[in-house]
Amino acid sequence: MLDNKTLRIPCTTCGQETEKTVGWLKAHDYFTCACGQGLRLERDQFLGEIRRAEKSLADLGKTISKLGKR
């Protein structure tokens, strides 16, 4: 549901932000900034947060659908 949304990942060394899609972040736990610094992502924590957000959006959609049927 959110795979095409873009997030900005800040480099802990240079501060530059790199844009990555949620789909890319789901599939990777490491990337290298343009400055050359390798960054390990807290993938498990990130995936848990994304799952919660997707569930909340799905629940909201169901609620809106039910309201529309009244």
PDB file of N, CA and C in Angstrom:
ATOM      1  N   MET A   1       0.824  -1.192   0.000  1.00  0.00           N
ATOM      2  CA  MET A   1       0.000   0.000   0.000  1.00  0.00           C
ATOM      3  C   MET A   1       0.871   1.261   0.000  1.00  0.00           C
ATOM      4  N   LEU A   2       1.954   1.234   0.730  1.00  0.00           N
ATOM      5  CA  LEU A   2       2.817   2.413   0.838  1.00  0.00           C
ATOM      6  C   LEU A   2       4.134   2.269   0.075  1.00  0.00           C
ATOM      7  N   ASP A   3       4.298   1.179  -0.660  1.00  0.00           N
ATOM      8  CA  ASP A   3       5.591   0.872  -1.280  1.00  0.00           C
ATOM      9  C   ASP A   3       6.142   1.970  -2.180  1.00  0.00           C
ATOM     10  N   ASN A   4       5.290   2.762  -2.809  1.00  0.00           N
ATOM     11  CA  ASN A   4       5.770   3.812  -3.721  1.00  0.00           C
ATOM     12  C   ASN A   4       6.003   5.153  -3.038  1.00  0.00           C
ATOM     13  N   LYS A   5       5.682   5.244  -1.760  1.00  0.00           N
ATOM     14  CA  LYS A   5       5.902   6.491  -1.023  1.00  0.00           C
ATOM     15  C   LYS A   5       7.394   6.658  -0.748  1.00  0.00           C
ATOM     16  N   THR A   6       7.856   7.890  -0.796  1.00  0.00           N
ATOM     17  CA  THR A   6       9.273   8.189  -0.614  1.00  0.00           C
ATOM     18  C   THR A   6       9.534   8.719   0.790  1.00  0.00           C
ATOM     19  N   LEU A   7      10.617   8.237   1.384  1.00  0.00           N
ATOM     20  CA  LEU A   7      11.077   8.731   2.680  1.00  0.00           C
ATOM     21  C   LEU A   7      12.494   9.257   2.530  1.00  0.00           C
ATOM     22  N   ARG A   8      12.867  10.189   3.383  1.00  0.00           N
ATOM     23  CA  ARG A   8      14.223  10.745   3.367  1.00  0.00           C
ATOM     24  C   ARG A   8      15.031  10.131   4.502  1.00  0.00           C
ATOM     25  N   ILE A   9      16.185   9.576   4.164  1.00  0.00           N
ATOM     26  CA  ILE A   9      17.069   8.956   5.139  1.00  0.00           C
ATOM     27  C   ILE A   9      18.267   9.879   5.339  1.00  0.00           C
ATOM     28  N   PRO A  10      18.435  10.444   6.558  1.00  0.00           N
ATOM     29  CA  PRO A  10      19.574  11.333   6.796  1.00  0.00           C
ATOM     30  C   PRO A  10      20.851  10.547   7.075  1.00  0.00           C
ATOM     31  N   CYS A  11      21.949  11.016   6.534  1.00  0.00           N
ATOM     32  CA  CYS A  11      23.258  10.429   6.795  1.00  0.00           C
ATOM     33  C   CYS A  11      23.742  10.920   8.156  1.00  0.00           C
ATOM     34  N   THR A  12      24.219  10.002   8.975  1.00  0.00           N
ATOM     35  CA  THR A  12      24.704  10.371  10.303  1.00  0.00           C
ATOM     36  C   THR A  12      26.064  11.063  10.243  1.00  0.00           C
ATOM     37  N   THR A  13      26.744  10.987   9.096  1.00  0.00           N
ATOM     38  CA  THR A  13      28.058  11.604   8.953  1.00  0.00           C
ATOM     39  C   THR A  13      27.977  13.006   8.364  1.00  0.00           C
ATOM     40  N   CYS A  14      27.336  13.128   7.193  1.00  0.00           N
ATOM     41  CA  CYS A  14      27.326  14.419   6.498  1.00  0.00           C
ATOM     42  C   CYS A  14      26.003  15.170   6.599  1.00  0.00           C
ATOM     43  N   GLY A  15      24.944  14.489   7.039  1.00  0.00           N
ATOM     44  CA  GLY A  15      23.642  15.131   7.165  1.00  0.00           C
ATOM     45  C   GLY A  15      22.818  15.156   5.886  1.00  0.00           C
ATOM     46  N   GLN A  16      23.399  14.742   4.772  1.00  0.00           N
ATOM     47  CA  GLN A  16      22.665  14.720   3.507  1.00  0.00           C
ATOM     48  C   GLN A  16      21.513  13.727   3.612  1.00  0.00           C
ATOM     49  N   GLU A  17      20.380  14.073   3.014  1.00  0.00           N
ATOM     50  CA  GLU A  17      19.229  13.177   3.016  1.00  0.00           C
ATOM     51  C   GLU A  17      19.126  12.470   1.669  1.00  0.00           C
ATOM     52  N   THR A  18      18.935  11.172   1.718  1.00  0.00           N
ATOM     53  CA  THR A  18      18.777  10.354   0.519  1.00  0.00           C
ATOM     54  C   THR A  18      17.342   9.861   0.478  1.00  0.00           C
ATOM     55  N   GLU A  19      16.686  10.043  -0.651  1.00  0.00           N
ATOM     56  CA  GLU A  19      15.303   9.586  -0.795  1.00  0.00           C
ATOM     57  C   GLU A  19      15.281   8.135  -1.243  1.00  0.00           C
ATOM     58  N   LYS A  20      14.484   7.345  -0.548  1.00  0.00           N
ATOM     59  CA  LYS A  20      14.269   5.937  -0.877  1.00  0.00           C
ATOM     60  C   LYS A  20      12.786   5.654  -0.737  1.00  0.00           C
ATOM     61  N   THR A  21      12.269   4.742  -1.555  1.00  0.00           N
ATOM     62  CA  THR A  21      10.866   4.365  -1.424  1.00  0.00           C
ATOM     63  C   THR A  21      10.705   3.368  -0.284  1.00  0.00           C
ATOM     64  N   VAL A  22       9.501   3.285   0.231  1.00  0.00           N
ATOM     65  CA  VAL A  22       9.196   2.317   1.278  1.00  0.00           C
ATOM     66  C   VAL A  22       9.482   0.907   0.762  1.00  0.00           C
ATOM     67  N   GLY A  23       9.137   0.635  -0.490  1.00  0.00           N
ATOM     68  CA  GLY A  23       9.416  -0.676  -1.075  1.00  0.00           C
ATOM     69  C   GLY A  23      10.895  -1.004  -1.062  1.00  0.00           C
ATOM     70  N   TRP A  24      11.732  -0.023  -1.393  1.00  0.00           N
ATOM     71  CA  TRP A  24      13.182  -0.244  -1.377  1.00  0.00           C
ATOM     72  C   TRP A  24      13.646  -0.521   0.047  1.00  0.00           C
ATOM     73  N   LEU A  25      13.138   0.261   0.993  1.00  0.00           N
ATOM     74  CA  LEU A  25      13.536   0.098   2.392  1.00  0.00           C
ATOM     75  C   LEU A  25      13.090  -1.247   2.963  1.00  0.00           C
ATOM     76  N   LYS A  26      11.969  -1.764   2.488  1.00  0.00           N
ATOM     77  CA  LYS A  26      11.522  -3.083   2.927  1.00  0.00           C
ATOM     78  C   LYS A  26      12.506  -4.168   2.503  1.00  0.00           C
ATOM     79  N   ALA A  27      13.145  -3.962   1.370  1.00  0.00           N
ATOM     80  CA  ALA A  27      14.022  -4.990   0.799  1.00  0.00           C
ATOM     81  C   ALA A  27      15.486  -4.853   1.194  1.00  0.00           C
ATOM     82  N   HIS A  28      15.881  -3.746   1.794  1.00  0.00           N
ATOM     83  CA  HIS A  28      17.288  -3.493   2.095  1.00  0.00           C
ATOM     84  C   HIS A  28      17.475  -3.070   3.550  1.00  0.00           C
ATOM     85  N   ASP A  29      18.601  -3.396   4.110  1.00  0.00           N
ATOM     86  CA  ASP A  29      18.902  -2.941   5.470  1.00  0.00           C
ATOM     87  C   ASP A  29      20.219  -2.163   5.532  1.00  0.00           C
ATOM     88  N   TYR A  30      20.756  -1.823   4.364  1.00  0.00           N
ATOM     89  CA  TYR A  30      22.035  -1.125   4.314  1.00  0.00           C
ATOM     90  C   TYR A  30      22.102  -0.315   3.016  1.00  0.00           C
ATOM     91  N   PHE A  31      22.642   0.886   3.086  1.00  0.00           N
ATOM     92  CA  PHE A  31      22.935   1.628   1.861  1.00  0.00           C
ATOM     93  C   PHE A  31      24.123   2.551   2.114  1.00  0.00           C
ATOM     94  N   THR A  32      24.710   3.017   1.035  1.00  0.00           N
ATOM     95  CA  THR A  32      25.867   3.895   1.127  1.00  0.00           C
ATOM     96  C   THR A  32      25.472   5.291   0.670  1.00  0.00           C
ATOM     97  N   CYS A  33      25.723   6.272   1.524  1.00  0.00           N
ATOM     98  CA  CYS A  33      25.446   7.672   1.215  1.00  0.00           C
ATOM     99  C   CYS A  33      26.400   8.134   0.110  1.00  0.00           C
ATOM    100  N   ALA A  34      26.047   9.224  -0.549  1.00  0.00           N
ATOM    101  CA  ALA A  34      26.903   9.802  -1.582  1.00  0.00           C
ATOM    102  C   ALA A  34      28.273  10.208  -1.027  1.00  0.00           C
ATOM    103  N   CYS A  35      28.346  10.474   0.294  1.00  0.00           N
ATOM    104  CA  CYS A  35      29.629  10.848   0.902  1.00  0.00           C
ATOM    105  C   CYS A  35      30.526   9.630   1.136  1.00  0.00           C
ATOM    106  N   GLY A  36      29.970   8.434   0.908  1.00  0.00           N
ATOM    107  CA  GLY A  36      30.741   7.209   1.083  1.00  0.00           C
ATOM    108  C   GLY A  36      30.479   6.476   2.382  1.00  0.00           C
ATOM    109  N   GLN A  37      29.733   7.095   3.290  1.00  0.00           N
ATOM    110  CA  GLN A  37      29.424   6.465   4.581  1.00  0.00           C
ATOM    111  C   GLN A  37      28.375   5.379   4.395  1.00  0.00           C
ATOM    112  N   GLY A  38      28.644   4.189   4.888  1.00  0.00           N
ATOM    113  CA  GLY A  38      27.663   3.112   4.878  1.00  0.00           C
ATOM    114  C   GLY A  38      26.729   3.264   6.060  1.00  0.00           C
ATOM    115  N   LEU A  39      25.457   3.071   5.816  1.00  0.00           N
ATOM    116  CA  LEU A  39      24.445   3.226   6.866  1.00  0.00           C
ATOM    117  C   LEU A  39      23.621   1.951   6.998  1.00  0.00           C
ATOM    118  N   ARG A  40      23.557   1.432   8.209  1.00  0.00           N
ATOM    119  CA  ARG A  40      22.716   0.274   8.491  1.00  0.00           C
ATOM    120  C   ARG A  40      21.369   0.789   8.969  1.00  0.00           C
ATOM    121  N   LEU A  41      20.311   0.281   8.374  1.00  0.00           N
ATOM    122  CA  LEU A  41      18.960   0.704   8.711  1.00  0.00           C
ATOM    123  C   LEU A  41      18.363  -0.249   9.740  1.00  0.00           C
ATOM    124  N   GLU A  42      17.579   0.268  10.644  1.00  0.00           N
ATOM    125  CA  GLU A  42      16.879  -0.551  11.629  1.00  0.00           C
ATOM    126  C   GLU A  42      15.641  -1.135  10.942  1.00  0.00           C
ATOM    127  N   ARG A  43      15.883  -2.118  10.079  1.00  0.00           N
ATOM    128  CA  ARG A  43      14.850  -2.648   9.204  1.00  0.00           C
ATOM    129  C   ARG A  43      13.684  -3.275   9.965  1.00  0.00           C
ATOM    130  N   ASP A  44      13.947  -4.070  10.991  1.00  0.00           N
ATOM    131  CA  ASP A  44      12.865  -4.722  11.726  1.00  0.00           C
ATOM    132  C   ASP A  44      11.933  -3.705  12.366  1.00  0.00           C
ATOM    133  N   GLN A  45      12.507  -2.686  12.980  1.00  0.00           N
ATOM    134  CA  GLN A  45      11.698  -1.634  13.583  1.00  0.00           C
ATOM    135  C   GLN A  45      10.901  -0.900  12.506  1.00  0.00           C
ATOM    136  N   PHE A  46      11.568  -0.575  11.407  1.00  0.00           N
ATOM    137  CA  PHE A  46      10.919   0.127  10.302  1.00  0.00           C
ATOM    138  C   PHE A  46       9.746  -0.697   9.748  1.00  0.00           C
ATOM    139  N   LEU A  47       9.968  -1.990   9.524  1.00  0.00           N
ATOM    140  CA  LEU A  47       8.915  -2.836   8.969  1.00  0.00           C
ATOM    141  C   LEU A  47       7.718  -2.932   9.913  1.00  0.00           C
ATOM    142  N   GLY A  48       7.981  -2.980  11.205  1.00  0.00           N
ATOM    143  CA  GLY A  48       6.889  -2.996  12.171  1.00  0.00           C
ATOM    144  C   GLY A  48       6.054  -1.729  12.104  1.00  0.00           C
ATOM    145  N   GLU A  49       6.720  -0.596  11.988  1.00  0.00           N
ATOM    146  CA  GLU A  49       6.017   0.689  11.888  1.00  0.00           C
ATOM    147  C   GLU A  49       5.211   0.766  10.593  1.00  0.00           C
ATOM    148  N   ILE A  50       5.781   0.281   9.499  1.00  0.00           N
ATOM    149  CA  ILE A  50       5.068   0.294   8.211  1.00  0.00           C
ATOM    150  C   ILE A  50       3.840  -0.612   8.277  1.00  0.00           C
ATOM    151  N   ARG A  51       3.979  -1.796   8.865  1.00  0.00           N
ATOM    152  CA  ARG A  51       2.828  -2.707   8.996  1.00  0.00           C
ATOM    153  C   ARG A  51       1.710  -2.045   9.800  1.00  0.00           C
ATOM    154  N   ARG A  52       2.074  -1.370  10.886  1.00  0.00           N
ATOM    155  CA  ARG A  52       1.060  -0.689  11.697  1.00  0.00           C
ATOM    156  C   ARG A  52       0.376   0.424  10.899  1.00  0.00           C
ATOM    157  N   ALA A  53       1.147   1.174  10.133  1.00  0.00           N
ATOM    158  CA  ALA A  53       0.577   2.258   9.320  1.00  0.00           C
ATOM    159  C   ALA A  53      -0.349   1.692   8.248  1.00  0.00           C
ATOM    160  N   GLU A  54       0.069   0.605   7.593  1.00  0.00           N
ATOM    161  CA  GLU A  54      -0.770  -0.002   6.553  1.00  0.00           C
ATOM    162  C   GLU A  54      -2.063  -0.558   7.147  1.00  0.00           C
ATOM    163  N   LYS A  55      -1.985  -1.157   8.334  1.00  0.00           N
ATOM    164  CA  LYS A  55      -3.183  -1.681   8.986  1.00  0.00           C
ATOM    165  C   LYS A  55      -4.121  -0.535   9.354  1.00  0.00           C
ATOM    166  N   SER A  56      -3.572   0.551   9.868  1.00  0.00           N
ATOM    167  CA  SER A  56      -4.399   1.705  10.222  1.00  0.00           C
ATOM    168  C   SER A  56      -5.108   2.264   9.001  1.00  0.00           C
ATOM    169  N   LEU A  57      -4.399   2.350   7.880  1.00  0.00           N
ATOM    170  CA  LEU A  57      -5.016   2.844   6.642  1.00  0.00           C
ATOM    171  C   LEU A  57      -6.105   1.898   6.148  1.00  0.00           C
ATOM    172  N   ALA A  58      -5.857   0.583   6.239  1.00  0.00           N
ATOM    173  CA  ALA A  58      -6.856  -0.400   5.821  1.00  0.00           C
ATOM    174  C   ALA A  58      -8.094  -0.300   6.715  1.00  0.00           C
ATOM    175  N   ASP A  59      -7.896  -0.174   8.023  1.00  0.00           N
ATOM    176  CA  ASP A  59      -9.009  -0.035   8.962  1.00  0.00           C
ATOM    177  C   ASP A  59      -9.809   1.234   8.684  1.00  0.00           C
ATOM    178  N   LEU A  60      -9.107   2.320   8.377  1.00  0.00           N
ATOM    179  CA  LEU A  60      -9.776   3.571   8.048  1.00  0.00           C
ATOM    180  C   LEU A  60     -10.631   3.402   6.791  1.00  0.00           C
ATOM    181  N   GLY A  61     -10.076   2.720   5.802  1.00  0.00           N
ATOM    182  CA  GLY A  61     -10.831   2.473   4.567  1.00  0.00           C
ATOM    183  C   GLY A  61     -12.105   1.688   4.824  1.00  0.00           C
ATOM    184  N   LYS A  62     -12.023   0.677   5.706  1.00  0.00           N
ATOM    185  CA  LYS A  62     -13.197  -0.120   6.051  1.00  0.00           C
ATOM    186  C   LYS A  62     -14.233   0.732   6.760  1.00  0.00           C
ATOM    187  N   THR A  63     -13.786   1.585   7.663  1.00  0.00           N
ATOM    188  CA  THR A  63     -14.705   2.454   8.396  1.00  0.00           C
ATOM    189  C   THR A  63     -15.409   3.425   7.455  1.00  0.00           C
ATOM    190  N   ILE A  64     -14.652   4.001   6.551  1.00  0.00           N
ATOM    191  CA  ILE A  64     -15.244   4.941   5.579  1.00  0.00           C
ATOM    192  C   ILE A  64     -16.255   4.221   4.699  1.00  0.00           C
ATOM    193  N   SER A  65     -15.914   3.010   4.297  1.00  0.00           N
ATOM    194  CA  SER A  65     -16.818   2.209   3.465  1.00  0.00           C
ATOM    195  C   SER A  65     -18.132   1.924   4.195  1.00  0.00           C
ATOM    196  N   LYS A  66     -18.033   1.568   5.468  1.00  0.00           N
ATOM    197  CA  LYS A  66     -19.238   1.285   6.263  1.00  0.00           C
ATOM    198  C   LYS A  66     -20.088   2.536   6.408  1.00  0.00           C
ATOM    199  N   LEU A  67     -19.446   3.686   6.630  1.00  0.00           N
ATOM    200  CA  LEU A  67     -20.183   4.936   6.769  1.00  0.00           C
ATOM    201  C   LEU A  67     -20.912   5.303   5.481  1.00  0.00           C
ATOM    202  N   GLY A  68     -20.301   4.986   4.354  1.00  0.00           N
ATOM    203  CA  GLY A  68     -20.902   5.292   3.060  1.00  0.00           C
ATOM    204  C   GLY A  68     -22.123   4.442   2.759  1.00  0.00           C
ATOM    205  N   LYS A  69     -22.236   3.296   3.426  1.00  0.00           N
ATOM    206  CA  LYS A  69     -23.355   2.383   3.180  1.00  0.00           C
ATOM    207  C   LYS A  69     -24.570   2.717   4.036  1.00  0.00           C
ATOM    208  N   ARG A  70     -24.415   3.637   4.964  1.00  0.00           N
ATOM    209  CA  ARG A  70     -25.533   3.990   5.860  1.00  0.00           C
ATOM    210  C   ARG A  70     -26.542   4.833   5.172  1.00  0.00           C
TER     211      ARG A  70
END
